[in-house]
C-alpha atoms as a PDB file:
ATOM      1  CA  MET A   1      24.895  50.787  29.407  1.00  0.00           C
ATOM      2  CA  ARG A   2      22.953  47.542  29.024  1.00  0.00           C
ATOM      3  CA  SER A   3      23.354  45.585  25.824  1.00  0.00           C
ATOM      4  CA  LYS A   4      20.305  45.099  23.651  1.00  0.00           C
ATOM      5  CA  PRO A   5      18.559  41.727  24.210  1.00  0.00           C
ATOM      6  CA  GLU A   6      19.494  39.121  21.646  1.00  0.00           C
ATOM      7  CA  SER A   7      15.856  38.426  20.785  1.00  0.00           C
ATOM      8  CA  SER A   8      12.501  39.949  21.621  1.00  0.00           C
ATOM      9  CA  PRO A   9       9.503  37.894  22.787  1.00  0.00           C
ATOM     10  CA  ASN A  10       7.786  38.560  19.458  1.00  0.00           C
ATOM     11  CA  MET A  11      10.825  37.357  17.515  1.00  0.00           C
ATOM     12  CA  THR A  12      11.071  34.222  19.633  1.00  0.00           C
ATOM     13  CA  GLN A  13       7.366  33.441  19.222  1.00  0.00           C
ATOM     14  CA  GLY A  14       7.604  34.035  15.487  1.00  0.00           C
ATOM     15  CA  ALA A  15      10.589  31.700  15.188  1.00  0.00           C
ATOM     16  CA  TYR A  16       8.721  29.040  17.171  1.00  0.00           C
ATOM     17  CA  ASP A  17       5.541  29.372  15.089  1.00  0.00           C
ATOM     18  CA  ASP A  18       7.402  29.287  11.755  1.00  0.00           C
ATOM     19  CA  LEU A  19       9.653  26.368  12.679  1.00  0.00           C
ATOM     20  CA  ARG A  20       6.760  24.386  14.149  1.00  0.00           C
ATOM     21  CA  ALA A  21       4.741  24.890  10.964  1.00  0.00           C
ATOM     22  CA  GLU A  22       7.656  23.682   8.837  1.00  0.00           C
ATOM     23  CA  LEU A  23       7.977  20.544  10.971  1.00  0.00           C
ATOM     24  CA  LEU A  24       4.262  19.732  10.991  1.00  0.00           C
ATOM     25  CA  THR A  25       3.918  20.155   7.235  1.00  0.00           C
ATOM     26  CA  CYS A  26       7.075  18.055   6.640  1.00  0.00           C
ATOM     27  CA  ARG A  27       8.699  20.901   4.719  1.00  0.00           C
ATOM     28  CA  ILE A  28      11.458  20.094   7.172  1.00  0.00           C
ATOM     29  CA  MET A  29      11.478  16.350   6.792  1.00  0.00           C
ATOM     30  CA  PRO A  30      11.451  14.006   9.819  1.00  0.00           C
ATOM     31  CA  GLY A  31      14.967  13.038  10.839  1.00  0.00           C
ATOM     32  CA  SER A  32      16.574  16.084   9.193  1.00  0.00           C
ATOM     33  CA  ARG A  33      19.438  17.774  11.035  1.00  0.00           C
ATOM     34  CA  LEU A  34      18.558  21.296  12.178  1.00  0.00           C
ATOM     35  CA  LYS A  35      21.478  23.674  11.790  1.00  0.00           C
ATOM     36  CA  ILE A  36      20.946  26.743  13.941  1.00  0.00           C
ATOM     37  CA  GLN A  37      22.761  29.208  11.687  1.00  0.00           C
ATOM     38  CA  GLU A  38      20.839  28.044   8.629  1.00  0.00           C
ATOM     39  CA  LEU A  39      17.551  28.390  10.519  1.00  0.00           C
ATOM     40  CA  CYS A  40      18.482  31.919  11.589  1.00  0.00           C
ATOM     41  CA  GLU A  41      18.987  32.873   7.959  1.00  0.00           C
ATOM     42  CA  ARG A  42      15.888  30.993   6.789  1.00  0.00           C
ATOM     43  CA  PHE A  43      13.558  32.755   9.240  1.00  0.00           C
ATOM     44  CA  SER A  44      15.536  36.016   9.568  1.00  0.00           C
ATOM     45  CA  VAL A  45      15.778  35.819  13.358  1.00  0.00           C
ATOM     46  CA  SER A  46      18.540  35.760  15.979  1.00  0.00           C
ATOM     47  CA  LEU A  47      20.428  32.785  17.377  1.00  0.00           C
ATOM     48  CA  GLY A  48      18.682  33.219  20.718  1.00  0.00           C
ATOM     49  CA  ALA A  49      15.236  33.075  19.130  1.00  0.00           C
ATOM     50  CA  ILE A  50      16.053  29.845  17.275  1.00  0.00           C
ATOM     51  CA  ARG A  51      17.608  28.220  20.338  1.00  0.00           C
ATOM     52  CA  GLU A  52      14.538  28.980  22.451  1.00  0.00           C
ATOM     53  CA  ALA A  53      12.204  27.773  19.684  1.00  0.00           C
ATOM     54  CA  LEU A  54      14.158  24.514  19.408  1.00  0.00           C
ATOM     55  CA  SER A  55      14.022  24.051  23.164  1.00  0.00           C
ATOM     56  CA  ARG A  56      10.236  24.473  23.195  1.00  0.00           C
ATOM     57  CA  LEU A  57       9.788  22.128  20.242  1.00  0.00           C
ATOM     58  CA  SER A  58      12.019  19.564  21.935  1.00  0.00           C
ATOM     59  CA  SER A  59       9.723  19.580  24.981  1.00  0.00           C
ATOM     60  CA  GLU A  60       6.786  18.950  22.594  1.00  0.00           C
ATOM     61  CA  GLY A  61       8.513  15.972  20.978  1.00  0.00           C
ATOM     62  CA  LEU A  62       8.785  17.546  17.513  1.00  0.00           C
ATOM     63  CA  VAL A  63      12.551  18.006  17.840  1.00  0.00           C
ATOM     64  CA  VAL A  64      15.178  15.821  19.496  1.00  0.00           C
ATOM     65  CA  ALA A  65      18.399  17.125  21.017  1.00  0.00           C
ATOM     66  CA  GLU A  66      21.434  14.928  20.428  1.00  0.00           C
ATOM     67  CA  PRO A  67      24.408  15.401  22.808  1.00  0.00           C
ATOM     68  CA  GLN A  68      27.348  17.018  21.033  1.00  0.00           C
ATOM     69  CA  ARG A  69      25.450  16.913  17.732  1.00  0.00           C
ATOM     70  CA  GLY A  70      22.742  19.558  18.032  1.00  0.00           C
ATOM     71  CA  PHE A  71      19.100  19.155  17.045  1.00  0.00           C
ATOM     72  CA  ARG A  72      17.199  16.975  14.622  1.00  0.00           C
ATOM     73  CA  ALA A  73      13.552  16.840  13.515  1.00  0.00           C
ATOM     74  CA  THR A  74      12.034  13.880  15.348  1.00  0.00           C
ATOM     75  CA  PRO A  75      12.292  10.784  13.125  1.00  0.00           C
ATOM     76  CA  ILE A  76       9.280   8.684  12.167  1.00  0.00           C
ATOM     77  CA  SER A  77       8.813   4.919  12.158  1.00  0.00           C
ATOM     78  CA  ALA A  78       6.123   2.269  11.884  1.00  0.00           C
ATOM     79  CA  ALA A  79       6.482   1.434  15.590  1.00  0.00           C
ATOM     80  CA  ASP A  80       6.100   5.087  16.579  1.00  0.00           C
ATOM     81  CA  LEU A  81       3.071   5.507  14.302  1.00  0.00           C
ATOM     82  CA  GLN A  82       1.310   2.472  15.784  1.00  0.00           C
ATOM     83  CA  ASP A  83       2.047   3.561  19.356  1.00  0.00           C
ATOM     84  CA  LEU A  84       0.975   7.138  18.636  1.00  0.00           C
ATOM     85  CA  THR A  85      -2.271   6.022  16.996  1.00  0.00           C
ATOM     86  CA  MET A  86      -3.124   3.683  19.866  1.00  0.00           C
ATOM     87  CA  THR A  87      -2.491   6.418  22.446  1.00  0.00           C
ATOM     88  CA  ARG A  88      -4.393   9.049  20.495  1.00  0.00           C
ATOM     89  CA  VAL A  89      -7.388   6.763  19.979  1.00  0.00           C
ATOM     90  CA  GLU A  90      -7.555   5.866  23.686  1.00  0.00           C
ATOM     91  CA  LEU A  91      -7.351   9.508  24.762  1.00  0.00           C
ATOM     92  CA  ASP A  92      -9.801  10.792  22.163  1.00  0.00           C
ATOM     93  CA  GLN A  93     -12.345   8.167  23.207  1.00  0.00           C
ATOM     94  CA  ILE A  94     -12.216   9.504  26.760  1.00  0.00           C
ATOM     95  CA  CYS A  95     -12.467  13.109  25.538  1.00  0.00           C
ATOM     96  CA  LEU A  96     -15.358  12.440  23.171  1.00  0.00           C
ATOM     97  CA  ARG A  97     -17.401  10.451  25.679  1.00  0.00           C
ATOM     98  CA  ARG A  98     -17.040  13.270  28.220  1.00  0.00           C
ATOM     99  CA  ALA A  99     -17.864  15.915  25.616  1.00  0.00           C
ATOM    100  CA  ILE A 100     -21.062  14.115  24.594  1.00  0.00           C
ATOM    101  CA  ALA A 101     -22.057  13.699  28.241  1.00  0.00           C
ATOM    102  CA  LEU A 102     -21.163  17.238  29.354  1.00  0.00           C
ATOM    103  CA  GLY A 103     -21.133  19.366  26.195  1.00  0.00           C
ATOM    104  CA  THR A 104     -23.424  22.383  26.004  1.00  0.00           C
ATOM    105  CA  VAL A 105     -25.421  23.818  23.108  1.00  0.00           C
ATOM    106  CA  GLU A 106     -22.558  26.298  22.648  1.00  0.00           C
ATOM    107  CA  TRP A 107     -20.197  23.347  22.159  1.00  0.00           C
ATOM    108  CA  GLU A 108     -22.519  21.884  19.543  1.00  0.00           C
ATOM    109  CA  ALA A 109     -22.565  25.251  17.752  1.00  0.00           C
ATOM    110  CA  ARG A 110     -18.751  25.392  17.703  1.00  0.00           C
ATOM    111  CA  LEU A 111     -18.611  21.893  16.265  1.00  0.00           C
ATOM    112  CA  VAL A 112     -21.144  22.653  13.529  1.00  0.00           C
ATOM    113  CA  ALA A 113     -19.265  25.839  12.603  1.00  0.00           C
ATOM    114  CA  ALA A 114     -15.922  23.993  12.480  1.00  0.00           C
ATOM    115  CA  ALA A 115     -17.439  21.242  10.303  1.00  0.00           C
ATOM    116  CA  HIS A 116     -18.947  23.838   7.952  1.00  0.00           C
ATOM    117  CA  ARG A 117     -15.599  25.615   7.554  1.00  0.00           C
ATOM    118  CA  LEU A 118     -13.813  22.314   6.931  1.00  0.00           C
ATOM    119  CA  GLY A 119     -16.374  21.181   4.366  1.00  0.00           C
ATOM    120  CA  ARG A 120     -16.036  24.452   2.437  1.00  0.00           C
ATOM    121  CA  THR A 121     -12.216  24.279   2.252  1.00  0.00           C
ATOM    122  CA  ALA A 122     -10.367  22.448  -0.536  1.00  0.00           C
ATOM    123  CA  GLU A 123      -8.534  19.407   0.817  1.00  0.00           C
ATOM    124  CA  ARG A 124      -5.673  19.376  -1.701  1.00  0.00           C
ATOM    125  CA  ALA A 125      -3.358  22.217  -2.694  1.00  0.00           C
ATOM    126  CA  ALA A 126      -4.458  23.715  -6.019  1.00  0.00           C
ATOM    127  CA  GLU A 127      -0.910  23.897  -7.353  1.00  0.00           C
ATOM    128  CA  ASP A 128      -0.024  20.376  -6.201  1.00  0.00           C
ATOM    129  CA  PRO A 129      -2.895  17.858  -5.762  1.00  0.00           C
ATOM    130  CA  ALA A 130      -0.512  15.412  -4.064  1.00  0.00           C
ATOM    131  CA  ARG A 131      -0.065  17.862  -1.172  1.00  0.00           C
ATOM    132  CA  SER A 132      -2.474  18.788   1.605  1.00  0.00           C
ATOM    133  CA  ASN A 133      -3.864  22.318   1.471  1.00  0.00           C
ATOM    134  CA  ASP A 134      -2.518  24.275   4.472  1.00  0.00           C
ATOM    135  CA  GLU A 135      -5.869  26.019   5.011  1.00  0.00           C
ATOM    136  CA  TRP A 136      -7.643  22.647   5.045  1.00  0.00           C
ATOM    137  CA  ALA A 137      -5.080  21.282   7.516  1.00  0.00           C
ATOM    138  CA  GLU A 138      -5.759  24.227   9.821  1.00  0.00           C
ATOM    139  CA  ALA A 139      -9.531  23.719   9.515  1.00  0.00           C
ATOM    140  CA  HIS A 140      -9.078  19.975  10.104  1.00  0.00           C
ATOM    141  CA  ALA A 141      -7.177  20.596  13.336  1.00  0.00           C
ATOM    142  CA  ALA A 142      -9.874  23.039  14.470  1.00  0.00           C
ATOM    143  CA  PHE A 143     -12.576  20.456  13.699  1.00  0.00           C
ATOM    144  CA  HIS A 144     -10.902  17.724  15.743  1.00  0.00           C
ATOM    145  CA  LEU A 145     -10.418  20.138  18.628  1.00  0.00           C
ATOM    146  CA  ALA A 146     -14.071  21.208  18.405  1.00  0.00           C
ATOM    147  CA  LEU A 147     -15.103  17.543  18.594  1.00  0.00           C
ATOM    148  CA  ILE A 148     -13.667  17.110  22.062  1.00  0.00           C
ATOM    149  CA  ASP A 149     -13.417  20.582  23.618  1.00  0.00           C
ATOM    150  CA  GLY A 150     -16.750  20.116  25.393  1.00  0.00           C
ATOM    151  CA  CYS A 151     -15.068  17.578  27.679  1.00  0.00           C
ATOM    152  CA  ALA A 152     -14.540  20.233  30.399  1.00  0.00           C
ATOM    153  CA  SER A 153     -10.933  19.200  31.055  1.00  0.00           C
ATOM    154  CA  PRO A 154      -8.051  21.549  30.140  1.00  0.00           C
ATOM    155  CA  TRP A 155      -5.549  18.734  30.693  1.00  0.00           C
ATOM    156  CA  LEU A 156      -7.345  16.351  28.321  1.00  0.00           C
ATOM    157  CA  ILE A 157      -7.572  19.107  25.685  1.00  0.00           C
ATOM    158  CA  HIS A 158      -3.854  19.867  26.130  1.00  0.00           C
ATOM    159  CA  LEU A 159      -2.868  16.213  25.709  1.00  0.00           C
ATOM    160  CA  HIS A 160      -5.190  15.871  22.702  1.00  0.00           C
ATOM    161  CA  SER A 161      -3.476  18.836  21.012  1.00  0.00           C
ATOM    162  CA  GLN A 162      -0.007  17.375  21.598  1.00  0.00           C
ATOM    163  CA  LEU A 163      -0.947  13.995  20.128  1.00  0.00           C
ATOM    164  CA  TYR A 164      -2.761  15.599  17.206  1.00  0.00           C
ATOM    165  CA  ALA A 165       0.348  17.636  16.343  1.00  0.00           C
ATOM    166  CA  GLN A 166       2.473  14.478  16.321  1.00  0.00           C
ATOM    167  CA  SER A 167      -0.016  12.654  14.084  1.00  0.00           C
ATOM    168  CA  GLU A 168      -0.209  15.573  11.654  1.00  0.00           C
ATOM    169  CA  ARG A 169       3.250  14.767  10.258  1.00  0.00           C
ATOM    170  CA  TYR A 170       2.119  11.246   9.421  1.00  0.00           C
ATOM    171  CA  ARG A 171      -1.134  12.499   7.902  1.00  0.00           C
ATOM    172  CA  ARG A 172       0.803  14.832   5.603  1.00  0.00           C
ATOM    173  CA  LEU A 173       2.976  11.959   4.413  1.00  0.00           C
ATOM    174  CA  SER A 174      -0.093   9.811   3.737  1.00  0.00           C
ATOM    175  CA  VAL A 175      -1.754  12.323   1.382  1.00  0.00           C
ATOM    176  CA  PRO A 176       0.004  11.237  -1.849  1.00  0.00           C
ATOM    177  CA  LEU A 177      -0.619   7.578  -0.952  1.00  0.00           C
ATOM    178  CA  ALA A 178      -4.410   7.829  -0.640  1.00  0.00           C
ATOM    179  CA  ASP A 179      -6.126   5.837  -3.394  1.00  0.00           C
ATOM    180  CA  GLY A 180      -9.151   8.140  -3.715  1.00  0.00           C
ATOM    181  CA  LYS A 181     -11.598   5.587  -2.278  1.00  0.00           C
ATOM    182  CA  ARG A 182     -11.741   7.280   1.112  1.00  0.00           C
ATOM    183  CA  ASP A 183     -14.460   9.932   1.532  1.00  0.00           C
ATOM    184  CA  VAL A 184     -13.002  12.048   4.335  1.00  0.00           C
ATOM    185  CA  GLY A 185     -15.799  14.601   4.084  1.00  0.00           C
ATOM    186  CA  ARG A 186     -18.395  11.883   4.661  1.00  0.00           C
ATOM    187  CA  GLU A 187     -16.414  10.599   7.645  1.00  0.00           C
ATOM    188  CA  HIS A 188     -16.465  14.054   9.214  1.00  0.00           C
ATOM    189  CA  GLN A 189     -20.192  14.563   8.611  1.00  0.00           C
ATOM    190  CA  ASP A 190     -21.068  11.145  10.028  1.00  0.00           C
ATOM    191  CA  LEU A 191     -19.083  12.062  13.138  1.00  0.00           C
ATOM    192  CA  VAL A 192     -20.961  15.332  13.541  1.00  0.00           C
ATOM    193  CA  ASP A 193     -24.319  13.591  13.102  1.00  0.00           C
ATOM    194  CA  ALA A 194     -23.486  10.986  15.756  1.00  0.00           C
ATOM    195  CA  VAL A 195     -22.260  13.631  18.199  1.00  0.00           C
ATOM    196  CA  LEU A 196     -25.323  15.850  17.744  1.00  0.00           C
ATOM    197  CA  ALA A 197     -27.507  12.783  18.291  1.00  0.00           C
ATOM    198  CA  ARG A 198     -25.524  12.241  21.516  1.00  0.00           C
ATOM    199  CA  ASP A 199     -24.800   8.670  20.398  1.00  0.00           C
ATOM    200  CA  ALA A 200     -21.542   8.118  22.248  1.00  0.00           C
ATOM    201  CA  GLU A 201     -20.984   4.526  21.122  1.00  0.00           C
ATOM    202  CA  LEU A 202     -21.382   5.332  17.427  1.00  0.00           C
ATOM    203  CA  ALA A 203     -19.367   8.553  17.672  1.00  0.00           C
ATOM    204  CA  VAL A 204     -16.451   6.791  19.395  1.00  0.00           C
ATOM    205  CA  LYS A 205     -16.549   3.980  16.814  1.00  0.00           C
ATOM    206  CA  LEU A 206     -16.479   6.455  13.907  1.00  0.00           C
ATOM    207  CA  LEU A 207     -13.683   8.557  15.424  1.00  0.00           C
ATOM    208  CA  THR A 208     -11.577   5.446  16.046  1.00  0.00           C
ATOM    209  CA  GLU A 209     -12.017   4.283  12.440  1.00  0.00           C
ATOM    210  CA  HIS A 210     -11.229   7.794  11.189  1.00  0.00           C
ATOM    211  CA  SER A 211      -7.994   7.993  13.196  1.00  0.00           C
ATOM    212  CA  ASN A 212      -6.887   4.477  12.211  1.00  0.00           C
ATOM    213  CA  ALA A 213      -7.374   5.115   8.484  1.00  0.00           C
ATOM    214  CA  THR A 214      -4.182   7.162   8.053  1.00  0.00           C
ATOM    215  CA  THR A 215      -2.164   4.551   9.903  1.00  0.00           C
ATOM    216  CA  ARG A 216      -3.486   1.811   7.604  1.00  0.00           C
ATOM    217  CA  ILE A 217      -2.604   3.822   4.477  1.00  0.00           C
ATOM    218  CA  LEU A 218       1.000   4.344   5.544  1.00  0.00           C
ATOM    219  CA  LEU A 219       1.581   0.806   6.789  1.00  0.00           C
ATOM    220  CA  GLN A 220      -0.096  -0.746   3.739  1.00  0.00           C
ATOM    221  CA  ALA A 221       2.123   1.313   1.422  1.00  0.00           C
ATOM    222  CA  ALA A 222       5.194  -0.303   2.978  1.00  0.00           C
ATOM    223  CA  VAL A 223       3.635  -3.800   2.808  1.00  0.00           C
ATOM    224  CA  ASP A 224       2.823  -3.299  -0.883  1.00  0.00           C
ATOM    225  CA  GLY A 225       6.451  -2.620  -1.677  1.00  0.00           C
ATOM    226  CA  GLY A 226       6.405   1.146  -1.328  1.00  0.00           C
ATOM    227  CA  PRO A 227       8.960   3.063   0.734  1.00  0.00           C
ATOM    228  CA  GLY A 228       9.093   2.336   4.446  1.00  0.00           C
ATOM    229  CA  LEU A 229       8.195   5.075   6.885  1.00  0.00           C
ATOM    230  CA  ALA A 230      11.818   5.981   7.498  1.00  0.00           C
ATOM    231  CA  GLU A 231      12.340   6.504   3.761  1.00  0.00           C
ATOM    232  CA  MET A 232       9.137   8.562   3.466  1.00  0.00           C
ATOM    233  CA  GLY A 233      10.658  11.035   5.861  1.00  0.00           C
ATOM    234  CA  LYS A 234      13.667  11.694   3.677  1.00  0.00           C
ATOM    235  CA  PRO A 235      13.975  14.076   0.745  1.00  0.00           C
ATOM    236  CA  PRO A 236      14.299  12.374  -2.652  1.00  0.00           C
ATOM    237  CA  VAL A 237      17.813  11.537  -3.727  1.00  0.00           C
ATOM    238  CA  ARG A 238      18.799  13.250  -6.923  1.00  0.00           C
ATOM    239  CA  LYS A 239      20.387  11.002  -9.490  1.00  0.00           C
ATOM    240  CA  ARG A 240      23.798  12.126 -10.592  1.00  0.00           C
ATOM    241  CA  GLU A 241      24.063  12.753 -14.303  1.00  0.00           C
ATOM    242  CA  PRO A 242      26.629  10.514 -16.015  1.00  0.00           C
ATOM    243  CA  ALA A 243      29.837  12.267 -16.926  1.00  0.00           C
ATOM    244  CA  PRO A 244      30.194  13.036 -20.633  1.00  0.00           C
ATOM    245  CA  ALA A 245      32.296  10.547 -22.587  1.00  0.00           C
ATOM    246  CA  ARG A 246      35.850  11.692 -23.086  1.00  0.00           C
ATOM    247  CA  VAL A 247      36.856  12.267 -26.676  1.00  0.00           C
ATOM    248  CA  PRO A 248      40.262  10.710 -27.406  1.00  0.00           C
ATOM    249  CA  GLN A 249      42.902  13.215 -28.392  1.00  0.00           C
ATOM    250  CA  HIS A 250      44.819  12.571 -31.651  1.00  0.00           C
END
């Protein structure tokens, strides 16, 4: 009699989706060690499901496998952020230029719908204004995909999605550091207007500035004496309460 499979495809996909969401939202902080047994209990899935999810996330660059030491959430750094931003900007410029040149009316309609949804969604979490609203983050990802998905290249869209996922962790960490002077909604609308006008030069310029803004916020925070990027990716250290003074015995 055959033994029952350790994990079903649905369980494996669920483990992957849940773990990926925790990594992207920084609920699992960058650099954190990922203990398989703890993850099984956290997501109520089997060892096999977690191992396969970790393997997939490792291939996406969201998890790193360390020989003899298991898995860790991919660390962050200023150098990585700068390299990631440069690569994302270069790729998105190619995607956006192609989309403006080749995009159909249906593409324009998808972009307008994505922008409308994003504009009608609260950016900050109601219970914690220093945290990004998960629904807004989902709408934001859909908007950026809609910007470039008229480029008629599955490979470019695939690479865009990978780079966007990597940058999302940095964007989440930048939310509490924003000084309130940045009008993200206006940035998005200006982008839509330039795209609909088929003004490739202006659209590329606006998208580049939009993508660079998060990088500037994080790097400036470190320059101004705030925590460095490595420290931002760590949970706060709890201060130990001083031990009560001992009363002398008589």
